[in-house]
Amino acid sequence: MLTPSQYKARYEDIYVPLETGGGVTVKVNHYRLYPSHYNKTVAKSFFDTLRDRGIDTPLVINTGDQIDVVDSQAPGKDDFIRRRRWDGSNLTLSSGGLQDLRLRSSGLNRLASSLHRPARPLGTFYTGGVSLRPGWAGHWTKLAHLVFAGKGSPEACQAVLRLANHWNLAPDVQAYADVALGLDCNGFVGNYLWHGQKGNPWMDLGGGDHDLGPDSPIRSGYFDHYKSHLLSHWESLDTAKMYIMMEVGKDGQVINGGDAADAGHIVITQPGQRQERPGKGGKMSFAVRVVESTASHSPGLWESWYTCVSYDSGTKIFVMDREDMVPARRQIKFMIAAVG
């Protein structure tokens, strides 16, 4: 299982094959909250083209563990392999560029050597555009909406960026990502918990309110699910485990989230990371490493140390010092719950 820090690194290393040949590594690390940070113009252009053209080019998706292929021209993985008389037990993907995209039994030779990365096994072979699954058009529209709304997985971001470049909407892929893609707070935490921790495949979007995925509300989703695991004392936090921290409002309740005026915040701790710090009354305390997407730092996707300033064991509310954040949002109140 990936840790939150390792999952963050996947957003910072998204390889996108280019229409002109070769490829580029892109970072999706800006804070993006819907609707206040939503780029309507760029998103509309993408959705209009998706509606008109569908998935009209092969998509090579790096899941971290394997290579998945979406190809509207192939009737299916088994038939595709059988007609070429390949040994399907040892297939990987080989590509010297978009125009030379082929499945080959010899492996990921040219792609791996050009990227200086190890080959990945060939995973799921989706028969893209028309018959990916029932309701494919709505599914791809939902996937793209999550990406533009700050809630896309690394694989979903990779697919959208590849299509945008193929359609000549994104000749500069990094610039396109910077102005239109990114993550809000539960976009990162939710994708990590849904895909990274629970292992759900990238085509299972986790976009429902009760999926505890990237679109789940903070209070009525995460808090309601994990409230039996709330921490009451800072000293009880086990830094070998993972915790989510959910921002508390003036009413003492976890903020559910929404637009910028009432967005709330949720972060996740990196297990195994701890720094000893001086505490009150000459006692020692400690800091924990936190991974998040936040408007309080640039870039928004960040990891930093959090220390506990004070807490109330009765209300289970902790005042946390977010050491790398802007002064106005450096100290905020959280409830903390163990998630693994």
C-alpha atoms as a PDB file:
ATOM      1  CA  MET A   1       0.000   0.000   0.000  1.00  0.00           C
ATOM      2  CA  LEU A   2       1.269   3.462  -0.898  1.00  0.00           C
ATOM      3  CA  THR A   3       1.693   6.019   1.848  1.00  0.00           C
ATOM      4  CA  PRO A   4       0.137   9.512   1.489  1.00  0.00           C
ATOM      5  CA  SER A   5       3.572  10.938   0.644  1.00  0.00           C
ATOM      6  CA  GLN A   6       4.103   8.338  -2.073  1.00  0.00           C
ATOM      7  CA  TYR A   7       0.631   9.024  -3.472  1.00  0.00           C
ATOM      8  CA  LYS A   8       1.411  12.755  -3.532  1.00  0.00           C
ATOM      9  CA  ALA A   9       4.537  11.961  -5.560  1.00  0.00           C
ATOM     10  CA  ARG A  10       2.371  10.319  -8.239  1.00  0.00           C
ATOM     11  CA  TYR A  11       0.674  13.679  -8.907  1.00  0.00           C
ATOM     12  CA  GLU A  12       4.101  15.226  -9.317  1.00  0.00           C
ATOM     13  CA  ASP A  13       5.299  12.680 -11.884  1.00  0.00           C
ATOM     14  CA  ILE A  14       2.544  12.238 -14.483  1.00  0.00           C
ATOM     15  CA  TYR A  15       3.962  11.146 -17.822  1.00  0.00           C
ATOM     16  CA  VAL A  16       1.983  12.354 -20.845  1.00  0.00           C
ATOM     17  CA  PRO A  17       2.824  11.090 -24.368  1.00  0.00           C
ATOM     18  CA  LEU A  18       2.739  13.981 -26.839  1.00  0.00           C
ATOM     19  CA  GLU A  19       0.997  14.109 -30.172  1.00  0.00           C
ATOM     20  CA  THR A  20       4.247  15.274 -31.784  1.00  0.00           C
ATOM     21  CA  GLY A  21       6.176  12.325 -30.361  1.00  0.00           C
ATOM     22  CA  GLY A  22       8.036  11.746 -27.133  1.00  0.00           C
ATOM     23  CA  GLY A  23       6.475  12.823 -23.881  1.00  0.00           C
ATOM     24  CA  VAL A  24       6.626  15.182 -20.932  1.00  0.00           C
ATOM     25  CA  THR A  25       6.430  14.753 -17.163  1.00  0.00           C
ATOM     26  CA  VAL A  26       3.772  17.003 -15.638  1.00  0.00           C
ATOM     27  CA  LYS A  27       2.999  18.099 -12.082  1.00  0.00           C
ATOM     28  CA  VAL A  28      -0.615  18.465 -10.970  1.00  0.00           C
ATOM     29  CA  ASN A  29      -0.016  20.274  -7.697  1.00  0.00           C
ATOM     30  CA  HIS A  30      -2.081  23.476  -7.639  1.00  0.00           C
ATOM     31  CA  TYR A  31      -4.928  23.980  -5.188  1.00  0.00           C
ATOM     32  CA  ARG A  32      -8.239  23.920  -7.070  1.00  0.00           C
ATOM     33  CA  LEU A  33     -11.623  24.242  -5.373  1.00  0.00           C
ATOM     34  CA  TYR A  34     -14.922  24.055  -7.238  1.00  0.00           C
ATOM     35  CA  PRO A  35     -16.499  26.454  -8.132  1.00  0.00           C
ATOM     36  CA  SER A  36     -14.242  29.305  -7.017  1.00  0.00           C
ATOM     37  CA  HIS A  37     -11.104  27.961  -8.752  1.00  0.00           C
ATOM     38  CA  TYR A  38     -12.867  26.161 -11.595  1.00  0.00           C
ATOM     39  CA  ASN A  39     -11.645  27.147 -15.071  1.00  0.00           C
ATOM     40  CA  LYS A  40     -14.971  27.172 -16.925  1.00  0.00           C
ATOM     41  CA  THR A  41     -13.517  28.139 -20.292  1.00  0.00           C
ATOM     42  CA  VAL A  42     -10.916  25.366 -20.417  1.00  0.00           C
ATOM     43  CA  ALA A  43     -13.288  22.759 -19.015  1.00  0.00           C
ATOM     44  CA  LYS A  44     -16.060  23.622 -21.505  1.00  0.00           C
ATOM     45  CA  SER A  45     -13.681  23.298 -24.439  1.00  0.00           C
ATOM     46  CA  PHE A  46     -12.619  19.868 -23.200  1.00  0.00           C
ATOM     47  CA  PHE A  47     -16.168  18.608 -22.612  1.00  0.00           C
ATOM     48  CA  ASP A  48     -17.368  19.888 -25.995  1.00  0.00           C
ATOM     49  CA  THR A  49     -14.548  18.013 -27.716  1.00  0.00           C
ATOM     50  CA  LEU A  50     -15.100  14.874 -25.653  1.00  0.00           C
ATOM     51  CA  ARG A  51     -18.768  14.893 -26.640  1.00  0.00           C
ATOM     52  CA  ASP A  52     -17.934  15.325 -30.324  1.00  0.00           C
ATOM     53  CA  ARG A  53     -14.963  12.960 -30.618  1.00  0.00           C
ATOM     54  CA  GLY A  54     -15.085  10.496 -27.744  1.00  0.00           C
ATOM     55  CA  ILE A  55     -11.941   8.556 -26.797  1.00  0.00           C
ATOM     56  CA  ASP A  56     -10.356   8.633 -30.252  1.00  0.00           C
ATOM     57  CA  THR A  57      -6.740   7.859 -29.402  1.00  0.00           C
ATOM     58  CA  PRO A  58      -5.123   5.079 -27.348  1.00  0.00           C
ATOM     59  CA  LEU A  59      -4.596   6.062 -23.723  1.00  0.00           C
ATOM     60  CA  VAL A  60      -1.672   4.533 -21.867  1.00  0.00           C
ATOM     61  CA  ILE A  61      -2.352   4.816 -18.147  1.00  0.00           C
ATOM     62  CA  ASN A  62       0.363   4.210 -15.575  1.00  0.00           C
ATOM     63  CA  THR A  63      -1.350   2.967 -12.411  1.00  0.00           C
ATOM     64  CA  GLY A  64       1.909   2.799 -10.478  1.00  0.00           C
ATOM     65  CA  ASP A  65       1.759  -1.005 -10.488  1.00  0.00           C
ATOM     66  CA  GLN A  66       1.021  -1.694 -14.144  1.00  0.00           C
ATOM     67  CA  ILE A  67       0.145  -0.179 -17.496  1.00  0.00           C
ATOM     68  CA  ASP A  68      -3.542  -0.019 -18.439  1.00  0.00           C
ATOM     69  CA  VAL A  69      -4.573   0.648 -22.026  1.00  0.00           C
ATOM     70  CA  VAL A  70      -7.726   2.315 -23.323  1.00  0.00           C
ATOM     71  CA  ASP A  71      -7.982   1.681 -27.065  1.00  0.00           C
ATOM     72  CA  SER A  72     -11.182   2.283 -29.014  1.00  0.00           C
ATOM     73  CA  GLN A  73      -9.782   0.448 -32.055  1.00  0.00           C
ATOM     74  CA  ALA A  74      -9.348  -2.941 -30.379  1.00  0.00           C
ATOM     75  CA  PRO A  75     -12.287  -5.299 -29.806  1.00  0.00           C
ATOM     76  CA  GLY A  76     -10.776  -6.710 -26.631  1.00  0.00           C
ATOM     77  CA  LYS A  77      -7.540  -7.695 -24.994  1.00  0.00           C
ATOM     78  CA  ASP A  78      -7.839 -11.462 -25.571  1.00  0.00           C
ATOM     79  CA  ASP A  79      -8.809 -11.147 -29.225  1.00  0.00           C
ATOM     80  CA  PHE A  80      -6.229  -8.421 -29.772  1.00  0.00           C
ATOM     81  CA  ILE A  81      -3.483 -10.667 -28.430  1.00  0.00           C
ATOM     82  CA  ARG A  82      -4.728 -13.867 -30.060  1.00  0.00           C
ATOM     83  CA  ARG A  83      -4.804 -12.367 -33.561  1.00  0.00           C
ATOM     84  CA  ARG A  84      -1.141 -11.434 -33.165  1.00  0.00           C
ATOM     85  CA  ARG A  85      -0.191 -14.886 -31.811  1.00  0.00           C
ATOM     86  CA  TRP A  86       1.507 -13.407 -28.792  1.00  0.00           C
ATOM     87  CA  ASP A  87       2.177 -15.012 -25.460  1.00  0.00           C
ATOM     88  CA  GLY A  88      -0.306 -13.089 -23.363  1.00  0.00           C
ATOM     89  CA  SER A  89       1.301 -14.146 -20.093  1.00  0.00           C
ATOM     90  CA  ASN A  90       4.303 -11.887 -20.606  1.00  0.00           C
ATOM     91  CA  LEU A  91       2.963  -8.830 -22.387  1.00  0.00           C
ATOM     92  CA  THR A  92       3.954  -5.285 -21.584  1.00  0.00           C
ATOM     93  CA  LEU A  93       3.534  -2.090 -23.520  1.00  0.00           C
ATOM     94  CA  SER A  94       6.149  -0.732 -25.910  1.00  0.00           C
ATOM     95  CA  SER A  95       6.087   2.720 -27.444  1.00  0.00           C
ATOM     96  CA  GLY A  96       8.572   4.922 -29.243  1.00  0.00           C
ATOM     97  CA  GLY A  97       6.026   7.698 -29.434  1.00  0.00           C
ATOM     98  CA  LEU A  98       2.341   8.079 -30.160  1.00  0.00           C
ATOM     99  CA  GLN A  99       2.575   7.123 -33.818  1.00  0.00           C
ATOM    100  CA  ASP A 100       4.404   3.905 -32.931  1.00  0.00           C
ATOM    101  CA  LEU A 101       2.101   2.778 -30.137  1.00  0.00           C
ATOM    102  CA  ARG A 102       1.930  -1.016 -30.198  1.00  0.00           C
ATOM    103  CA  LEU A 103       1.481  -3.879 -27.793  1.00  0.00           C
ATOM    104  CA  ARG A 104       4.503  -6.119 -28.066  1.00  0.00           C
ATOM    105  CA  SER A 105       5.660  -9.280 -26.368  1.00  0.00           C
ATOM    106  CA  SER A 106       9.186  -7.856 -26.156  1.00  0.00           C
ATOM    107  CA  GLY A 107       8.181  -5.494 -23.380  1.00  0.00           C
ATOM    108  CA  LEU A 108       8.427  -1.811 -22.586  1.00  0.00           C
ATOM    109  CA  ASN A 109      11.867  -1.545 -24.154  1.00  0.00           C
ATOM    110  CA  ARG A 110      11.955   1.812 -25.868  1.00  0.00           C
ATOM    111  CA  LEU A 111       9.567   3.550 -23.502  1.00  0.00           C
ATOM    112  CA  ALA A 112      11.477   2.320 -20.471  1.00  0.00           C
ATOM    113  CA  SER A 113      14.866   3.258 -21.883  1.00  0.00           C
ATOM    114  CA  SER A 114      13.749   6.736 -22.916  1.00  0.00           C
ATOM    115  CA  LEU A 115      12.210   7.409 -19.514  1.00  0.00           C
ATOM    116  CA  HIS A 116      14.893   5.600 -17.519  1.00  0.00           C
ATOM    117  CA  ARG A 117      12.086   3.808 -15.726  1.00  0.00           C
ATOM    118  CA  PRO A 118      11.421   0.095 -15.245  1.00  0.00           C
ATOM    119  CA  ALA A 119       8.900  -1.693 -17.420  1.00  0.00           C
ATOM    120  CA  ARG A 120       5.419  -2.251 -16.013  1.00  0.00           C
ATOM    121  CA  PRO A 121       3.284  -5.297 -16.791  1.00  0.00           C
ATOM    122  CA  LEU A 122       0.309  -4.871 -19.069  1.00  0.00           C
ATOM    123  CA  GLY A 123      -2.805  -4.656 -16.942  1.00  0.00           C
ATOM    124  CA  THR A 124      -6.440  -4.061 -17.841  1.00  0.00           C
ATOM    125  CA  PHE A 125      -7.110  -3.629 -21.552  1.00  0.00           C
ATOM    126  CA  TYR A 126     -10.186  -1.424 -21.950  1.00  0.00           C
ATOM    127  CA  THR A 127     -11.914  -1.333 -25.324  1.00  0.00           C
ATOM    128  CA  GLY A 128     -12.279   2.426 -25.098  1.00  0.00           C
ATOM    129  CA  GLY A 129     -14.507   5.019 -26.769  1.00  0.00           C
ATOM    130  CA  VAL A 130     -17.674   3.069 -27.558  1.00  0.00           C
ATOM    131  CA  SER A 131     -17.772  -0.004 -25.369  1.00  0.00           C
ATOM    132  CA  LEU A 132     -15.655   0.705 -22.310  1.00  0.00           C
ATOM    133  CA  ARG A 133     -18.652  -0.137 -20.114  1.00  0.00           C
ATOM    134  CA  PRO A 134     -22.389   0.592 -20.102  1.00  0.00           C
ATOM    135  CA  GLY A 135     -22.888   4.336 -19.933  1.00  0.00           C
ATOM    136  CA  TRP A 136     -19.287   4.998 -21.016  1.00  0.00           C
ATOM    137  CA  ALA A 137     -19.973   8.573 -22.098  1.00  0.00           C
ATOM    138  CA  GLY A 138     -21.293   9.575 -18.700  1.00  0.00           C
ATOM    139  CA  HIS A 139     -18.455   7.760 -16.975  1.00  0.00           C
ATOM    140  CA  TRP A 140     -15.745   9.610 -18.910  1.00  0.00           C
ATOM    141  CA  THR A 141     -17.584  12.907 -18.432  1.00  0.00           C
ATOM    142  CA  LYS A 142     -17.683  12.242 -14.672  1.00  0.00           C
ATOM    143  CA  LEU A 143     -13.985  11.328 -14.675  1.00  0.00           C
ATOM    144  CA  ALA A 144     -13.104  14.562 -16.478  1.00  0.00           C
ATOM    145  CA  HIS A 145     -15.386  16.644 -14.266  1.00  0.00           C
ATOM    146  CA  LEU A 146     -13.594  15.357 -11.181  1.00  0.00           C
ATOM    147  CA  VAL A 147     -10.250  16.291 -12.760  1.00  0.00           C
ATOM    148  CA  PHE A 148     -11.304  19.877 -13.530  1.00  0.00           C
ATOM    149  CA  ALA A 149     -13.050  20.237 -10.163  1.00  0.00           C
ATOM    150  CA  GLY A 150      -9.917  19.372  -8.161  1.00  0.00           C
ATOM    151  CA  LYS A 151     -10.842  15.776  -7.438  1.00  0.00           C
ATOM    152  CA  GLY A 152      -9.126  13.651 -10.080  1.00  0.00           C
ATOM    153  CA  SER A 153      -6.858  10.677  -9.410  1.00  0.00           C
ATOM    154  CA  PRO A 154      -3.345  10.683 -10.949  1.00  0.00           C
ATOM    155  CA  GLU A 155      -4.589   8.281 -13.635  1.00  0.00           C
ATOM    156  CA  ALA A 156      -7.618  10.453 -14.426  1.00  0.00           C
ATOM    157  CA  CYS A 157      -5.357  13.503 -14.709  1.00  0.00           C
ATOM    158  CA  GLN A 158      -3.068  11.571 -17.053  1.00  0.00           C
ATOM    159  CA  ALA A 159      -6.003  10.594 -19.287  1.00  0.00           C
ATOM    160  CA  VAL A 160      -7.379  14.146 -19.471  1.00  0.00           C
ATOM    161  CA  LEU A 161      -3.975  15.664 -20.224  1.00  0.00           C
ATOM    162  CA  ARG A 162      -3.286  13.108 -22.963  1.00  0.00           C
ATOM    163  CA  LEU A 163      -6.637  13.775 -24.620  1.00  0.00           C
ATOM    164  CA  ALA A 164      -6.234  17.553 -24.317  1.00  0.00           C
ATOM    165  CA  ASN A 165      -2.848  17.361 -26.046  1.00  0.00           C
ATOM    166  CA  HIS A 166      -4.185  15.001 -28.716  1.00  0.00           C
ATOM    167  CA  TRP A 167      -7.044  17.429 -29.461  1.00  0.00           C
ATOM    168  CA  ASN A 168      -4.588  20.367 -29.613  1.00  0.00           C
ATOM    169  CA  LEU A 169      -6.210  21.970 -26.578  1.00  0.00           C
ATOM    170  CA  ALA A 170      -2.968  21.674 -24.603  1.00  0.00           C
ATOM    171  CA  PRO A 171       0.143  22.134 -26.759  1.00  0.00           C
ATOM    172  CA  ASP A 172       1.927  23.075 -23.500  1.00  0.00           C
ATOM    173  CA  VAL A 173       0.698  20.330 -21.185  1.00  0.00           C
ATOM    174  CA  GLN A 174       2.238  21.727 -17.987  1.00  0.00           C
ATOM    175  CA  ALA A 175       0.734  25.162 -18.612  1.00  0.00           C
ATOM    176  CA  TYR A 176      -2.658  23.537 -19.210  1.00  0.00           C
ATOM    177  CA  ALA A 177      -2.374  21.619 -15.943  1.00  0.00           C
ATOM    178  CA  ASP A 178      -1.389  24.774 -14.074  1.00  0.00           C
ATOM    179  CA  VAL A 179      -4.404  26.813 -15.230  1.00  0.00           C
ATOM    180  CA  ALA A 180      -7.094  24.120 -15.183  1.00  0.00           C
ATOM    181  CA  LEU A 181      -6.155  21.098 -13.038  1.00  0.00           C
ATOM    182  CA  GLY A 182      -5.290  20.615  -9.390  1.00  0.00           C
ATOM    183  CA  LEU A 183      -6.672  19.280  -6.126  1.00  0.00           C
ATOM    184  CA  ASP A 184      -8.787  20.504  -3.268  1.00  0.00           C
ATOM    185  CA  CYS A 185      -8.287  19.083   0.228  1.00  0.00           C
ATOM    186  CA  ASN A 186     -10.583  16.053   0.084  1.00  0.00           C
ATOM    187  CA  GLY A 187      -9.668  15.642  -3.581  1.00  0.00           C
ATOM    188  CA  PHE A 188      -6.253  14.521  -2.380  1.00  0.00           C
ATOM    189  CA  VAL A 189      -7.247  12.798   0.868  1.00  0.00           C
ATOM    190  CA  GLY A 190     -10.270  11.105  -0.718  1.00  0.00           C
ATOM    191  CA  ASN A 191      -8.359   9.793  -3.728  1.00  0.00           C
ATOM    192  CA  TYR A 192      -5.638   8.497  -1.439  1.00  0.00           C
ATOM    193  CA  LEU A 193      -8.090   6.687   0.853  1.00  0.00           C
ATOM    194  CA  TRP A 194     -10.205   5.328  -2.036  1.00  0.00           C
ATOM    195  CA  HIS A 195      -7.402   4.280  -4.374  1.00  0.00           C
ATOM    196  CA  GLY A 196      -4.150   4.307  -2.398  1.00  0.00           C
ATOM    197  CA  GLN A 197      -5.342   2.748   0.847  1.00  0.00           C
ATOM    198  CA  LYS A 198      -8.390   0.720  -0.227  1.00  0.00           C
ATOM    199  CA  GLY A 199      -6.943  -0.291  -3.585  1.00  0.00           C
ATOM    200  CA  ASN A 200      -9.950   0.574  -5.746  1.00  0.00           C
ATOM    201  CA  PRO A 201      -8.987   0.685  -9.450  1.00  0.00           C
ATOM    202  CA  TRP A 202      -8.700   4.066 -11.160  1.00  0.00           C
ATOM    203  CA  MET A 203     -11.816   3.491 -13.312  1.00  0.00           C
ATOM    204  CA  ASP A 204     -13.845   3.110 -10.088  1.00  0.00           C
ATOM    205  CA  LEU A 205     -14.013   6.834  -9.394  1.00  0.00           C
ATOM    206  CA  GLY A 206     -15.316   6.823  -5.825  1.00  0.00           C
ATOM    207  CA  GLY A 207     -17.314   9.926  -6.702  1.00  0.00           C
ATOM    208  CA  GLY A 208     -20.401   9.250  -4.584  1.00  0.00           C
ATOM    209  CA  ASP A 209     -21.066  11.101  -1.337  1.00  0.00           C
ATOM    210  CA  HIS A 210     -20.822   7.897   0.701  1.00  0.00           C
ATOM    211  CA  ASP A 211     -17.888   6.314  -1.106  1.00  0.00           C
ATOM    212  CA  LEU A 212     -15.418   8.129   1.182  1.00  0.00           C
ATOM    213  CA  GLY A 213     -13.646   9.146  -2.000  1.00  0.00           C
ATOM    214  CA  PRO A 214     -12.621  12.512  -3.467  1.00  0.00           C
ATOM    215  CA  ASP A 215     -16.153  13.976  -3.573  1.00  0.00           C
ATOM    216  CA  SER A 216     -17.236  12.935  -0.086  1.00  0.00           C
ATOM    217  CA  PRO A 217     -18.312  15.712   2.328  1.00  0.00           C
ATOM    218  CA  ILE A 218     -16.006  16.160   5.290  1.00  0.00           C
ATOM    219  CA  ARG A 219     -18.513  16.092   8.171  1.00  0.00           C
ATOM    220  CA  SER A 220     -21.318  13.920   6.757  1.00  0.00           C
ATOM    221  CA  GLY A 221     -18.794  11.665   5.035  1.00  0.00           C
ATOM    222  CA  TYR A 222     -15.424  11.283   6.737  1.00  0.00           C
ATOM    223  CA  PHE A 223     -16.369  12.486  10.215  1.00  0.00           C
ATOM    224  CA  ASP A 224     -19.525  10.382  10.422  1.00  0.00           C
ATOM    225  CA  HIS A 225     -17.584   7.315   9.293  1.00  0.00           C
ATOM    226  CA  TYR A 226     -14.554   7.746  11.554  1.00  0.00           C
ATOM    227  CA  LYS A 227     -16.043   9.513  14.607  1.00  0.00           C
ATOM    228  CA  SER A 228     -15.728   6.370  16.728  1.00  0.00           C
ATOM    229  CA  HIS A 229     -11.956   6.632  16.195  1.00  0.00           C
ATOM    230  CA  LEU A 230     -11.562  10.240  17.385  1.00  0.00           C
ATOM    231  CA  LEU A 231      -8.451  11.118  19.347  1.00  0.00           C
ATOM    232  CA  SER A 232      -8.917  12.837  22.730  1.00  0.00           C
ATOM    233  CA  HIS A 233      -5.277  13.317  23.846  1.00  0.00           C
ATOM    234  CA  TRP A 234      -2.319  14.391  21.726  1.00  0.00           C
ATOM    235  CA  GLU A 235      -0.052  12.034  23.639  1.00  0.00           C
ATOM    236  CA  SER A 236      -2.195   9.096  22.452  1.00  0.00           C
ATOM    237  CA  LEU A 237      -1.408   9.695  18.778  1.00  0.00           C
ATOM    238  CA  ASP A 238       0.628   6.800  17.410  1.00  0.00           C
ATOM    239  CA  THR A 239       2.845   8.199  14.654  1.00  0.00           C
ATOM    240  CA  ALA A 240       3.222   4.712  13.158  1.00  0.00           C
ATOM    241  CA  LYS A 241      -0.443   4.965  12.125  1.00  0.00           C
ATOM    242  CA  MET A 242      -2.395   7.276   9.803  1.00  0.00           C
ATOM    243  CA  TYR A 243      -4.867   9.901  10.936  1.00  0.00           C
ATOM    244  CA  ILE A 244      -7.131  12.396   9.238  1.00  0.00           C
ATOM    245  CA  MET A 245      -7.522  15.889  10.697  1.00  0.00           C
ATOM    246  CA  MET A 246     -10.840  17.636   9.981  1.00  0.00           C
ATOM    247  CA  GLU A 247     -11.219  21.384  10.502  1.00  0.00           C
ATOM    248  CA  VAL A 248     -13.637  22.550  13.209  1.00  0.00           C
ATOM    249  CA  GLY A 249     -15.698  25.747  12.881  1.00  0.00           C
ATOM    250  CA  LYS A 250     -16.694  28.361  15.441  1.00  0.00           C
ATOM    251  CA  ASP A 251     -19.651  26.193  16.497  1.00  0.00           C
ATOM    252  CA  GLY A 252     -17.319  23.381  17.558  1.00  0.00           C
ATOM    253  CA  GLN A 253     -18.459  21.128  14.710  1.00  0.00           C
ATOM    254  CA  VAL A 254     -16.462  19.720  11.815  1.00  0.00           C
ATOM    255  CA  ILE A 255     -17.019  21.926   8.752  1.00  0.00           C
ATOM    256  CA  ASN A 256     -18.768  19.932   6.051  1.00  0.00           C
ATOM    257  CA  GLY A 257     -17.067  21.696   3.140  1.00  0.00           C
ATOM    258  CA  GLY A 258     -18.366  23.485   0.077  1.00  0.00           C
ATOM    259  CA  ASP A 259     -17.444  26.753  -1.594  1.00  0.00           C
ATOM    260  CA  ALA A 260     -14.543  28.992  -0.607  1.00  0.00           C
ATOM    261  CA  ALA A 261     -16.533  30.786   2.116  1.00  0.00           C
ATOM    262  CA  ASP A 262     -17.176  27.528   3.974  1.00  0.00           C
ATOM    263  CA  ALA A 263     -14.647  25.125   2.511  1.00  0.00           C
ATOM    264  CA  GLY A 264     -13.362  23.533   5.701  1.00  0.00           C
ATOM    265  CA  HIS A 265     -10.219  21.451   5.481  1.00  0.00           C
ATOM    266  CA  ILE A 266      -9.052  17.848   5.749  1.00  0.00           C
ATOM    267  CA  VAL A 267      -5.491  16.495   5.821  1.00  0.00           C
ATOM    268  CA  ILE A 268      -3.847  13.119   6.371  1.00  0.00           C
ATOM    269  CA  THR A 269      -0.738  12.201   8.336  1.00  0.00           C
ATOM    270  CA  GLN A 270       2.263  10.352   6.954  1.00  0.00           C
ATOM    271  CA  PRO A 271       2.874   7.224   9.080  1.00  0.00           C
ATOM    272  CA  GLY A 272       6.318   6.705  10.541  1.00  0.00           C
ATOM    273  CA  GLN A 273       7.255  10.392  10.555  1.00  0.00           C
ATOM    274  CA  ARG A 274       7.861  12.103  13.883  1.00  0.00           C
ATOM    275  CA  GLN A 275      10.039  14.940  15.202  1.00  0.00           C
ATOM    276  CA  GLU A 276      10.622  15.518  18.884  1.00  0.00           C
ATOM    277  CA  ARG A 277       9.736  19.069  19.975  1.00  0.00           C
ATOM    278  CA  PRO A 278       9.799  20.933  23.292  1.00  0.00           C
ATOM    279  CA  GLY A 279       6.391  21.007  24.948  1.00  0.00           C
ATOM    280  CA  LYS A 280       4.809  22.875  27.842  1.00  0.00           C
ATOM    281  CA  GLY A 281       6.221  22.805  31.353  1.00  0.00           C
ATOM    282  CA  GLY A 282       9.570  21.456  30.238  1.00  0.00           C
ATOM    283  CA  LYS A 283       8.007  18.284  28.848  1.00  0.00           C
ATOM    284  CA  MET A 284       8.819  16.950  25.412  1.00  0.00           C
ATOM    285  CA  SER A 285       6.212  16.837  22.674  1.00  0.00           C
ATOM    286  CA  PHE A 286       6.388  15.928  18.986  1.00  0.00           C
ATOM    287  CA  ALA A 287       5.428  16.996  15.480  1.00  0.00           C
ATOM    288  CA  VAL A 288       3.737  14.840  12.844  1.00  0.00           C
ATOM    289  CA  ARG A 289       4.215  14.951   9.095  1.00  0.00           C
ATOM    290  CA  VAL A 290       1.047  15.912   7.215  1.00  0.00           C
ATOM    291  CA  VAL A 291       0.200  15.648   3.507  1.00  0.00           C
ATOM    292  CA  GLU A 292      -2.519  17.878   2.060  1.00  0.00           C
ATOM    293  CA  SER A 293      -3.756  20.105  -0.726  1.00  0.00           C
ATOM    294  CA  THR A 294      -4.342  23.581   0.640  1.00  0.00           C
ATOM    295  CA  ALA A 295      -4.931  27.192  -0.330  1.00  0.00           C
ATOM    296  CA  SER A 296      -2.552  28.180   2.478  1.00  0.00           C
ATOM    297  CA  HIS A 297       0.595  27.259   0.571  1.00  0.00           C
ATOM    298  CA  SER A 298       1.984  27.484  -2.949  1.00  0.00           C
ATOM    299  CA  PRO A 299       2.040  24.966  -4.485  1.00  0.00           C
ATOM    300  CA  GLY A 300      -1.105  23.664  -2.871  1.00  0.00           C
ATOM    301  CA  LEU A 301      -0.069  20.005  -2.807  1.00  0.00           C
ATOM    302  CA  TRP A 302       2.350  19.939   0.091  1.00  0.00           C
ATOM    303  CA  GLU A 303       3.662  18.075   3.116  1.00  0.00           C
ATOM    304  CA  SER A 304       4.907  19.709   6.290  1.00  0.00           C
ATOM    305  CA  TRP A 305       5.158  19.383  10.052  1.00  0.00           C
ATOM    306  CA  TYR A 306       2.196  19.952  12.378  1.00  0.00           C
ATOM    307  CA  THR A 307       2.528  20.462  16.125  1.00  0.00           C
ATOM    308  CA  CYS A 308      -0.195  20.545  18.746  1.00  0.00           C
ATOM    309  CA  VAL A 309      -0.516  23.933  20.480  1.00  0.00           C
ATOM    310  CA  SER A 310      -3.314  22.849  22.832  1.00  0.00           C
ATOM    311  CA  TYR A 311      -6.279  20.504  23.040  1.00  0.00           C
ATOM    312  CA  ASP A 312      -9.501  19.892  24.954  1.00  0.00           C
ATOM    313  CA  SER A 313      -9.948  16.221  25.773  1.00  0.00           C
ATOM    314  CA  GLY A 314     -13.651  16.781  26.423  1.00  0.00           C
ATOM    315  CA  THR A 315     -14.526  18.287  23.052  1.00  0.00           C
ATOM    316  CA  LYS A 316     -11.695  16.417  21.301  1.00  0.00           C
ATOM    317  CA  ILE A 317     -10.657  19.622  19.552  1.00  0.00           C
ATOM    318  CA  PHE A 318      -6.970  20.267  18.846  1.00  0.00           C
ATOM    319  CA  VAL A 319      -5.356  23.587  17.986  1.00  0.00           C
ATOM    320  CA  MET A 320      -2.656  22.722  15.469  1.00  0.00           C
ATOM    321  CA  ASP A 321       0.299  24.763  14.258  1.00  0.00           C
ATOM    322  CA  ARG A 322       0.782  24.197  10.504  1.00  0.00           C
ATOM    323  CA  GLU A 323       4.408  25.238  10.272  1.00  0.00           C
ATOM    324  CA  ASP A 324       4.703  25.963   6.524  1.00  0.00           C
ATOM    325  CA  MET A 325       1.416  27.811   6.019  1.00  0.00           C
ATOM    326  CA  VAL A 326       0.480  31.473   5.601  1.00  0.00           C
ATOM    327  CA  PRO A 327       0.109  33.313   8.943  1.00  0.00           C
ATOM    328  CA  ALA A 328      -3.672  33.733   8.726  1.00  0.00           C
ATOM    329  CA  ARG A 329      -4.169  29.978   8.412  1.00  0.00           C
ATOM    330  CA  ARG A 330      -1.188  28.702  10.353  1.00  0.00           C
ATOM    331  CA  GLN A 331      -3.120  27.779  13.506  1.00  0.00           C
ATOM    332  CA  ILE A 332      -6.529  26.166  13.081  1.00  0.00           C
ATOM    333  CA  LYS A 333      -8.709  23.754  15.021  1.00  0.00           C
ATOM    334  CA  PHE A 334      -9.147  20.118  14.074  1.00  0.00           C
ATOM    335  CA  MET A 335     -10.707  16.892  15.195  1.00  0.00           C
ATOM    336  CA  ILE A 336      -8.394  13.924  14.602  1.00  0.00           C
ATOM    337  CA  ALA A 337      -9.385  10.351  13.764  1.00  0.00           C
ATOM    338  CA  ALA A 338      -7.361   7.207  13.102  1.00  0.00           C
ATOM    339  CA  VAL A 339      -7.833   5.717   9.620  1.00  0.00           C
ATOM    340  CA  GLY A 340      -5.214   2.963   9.550  1.00  0.00           C
END
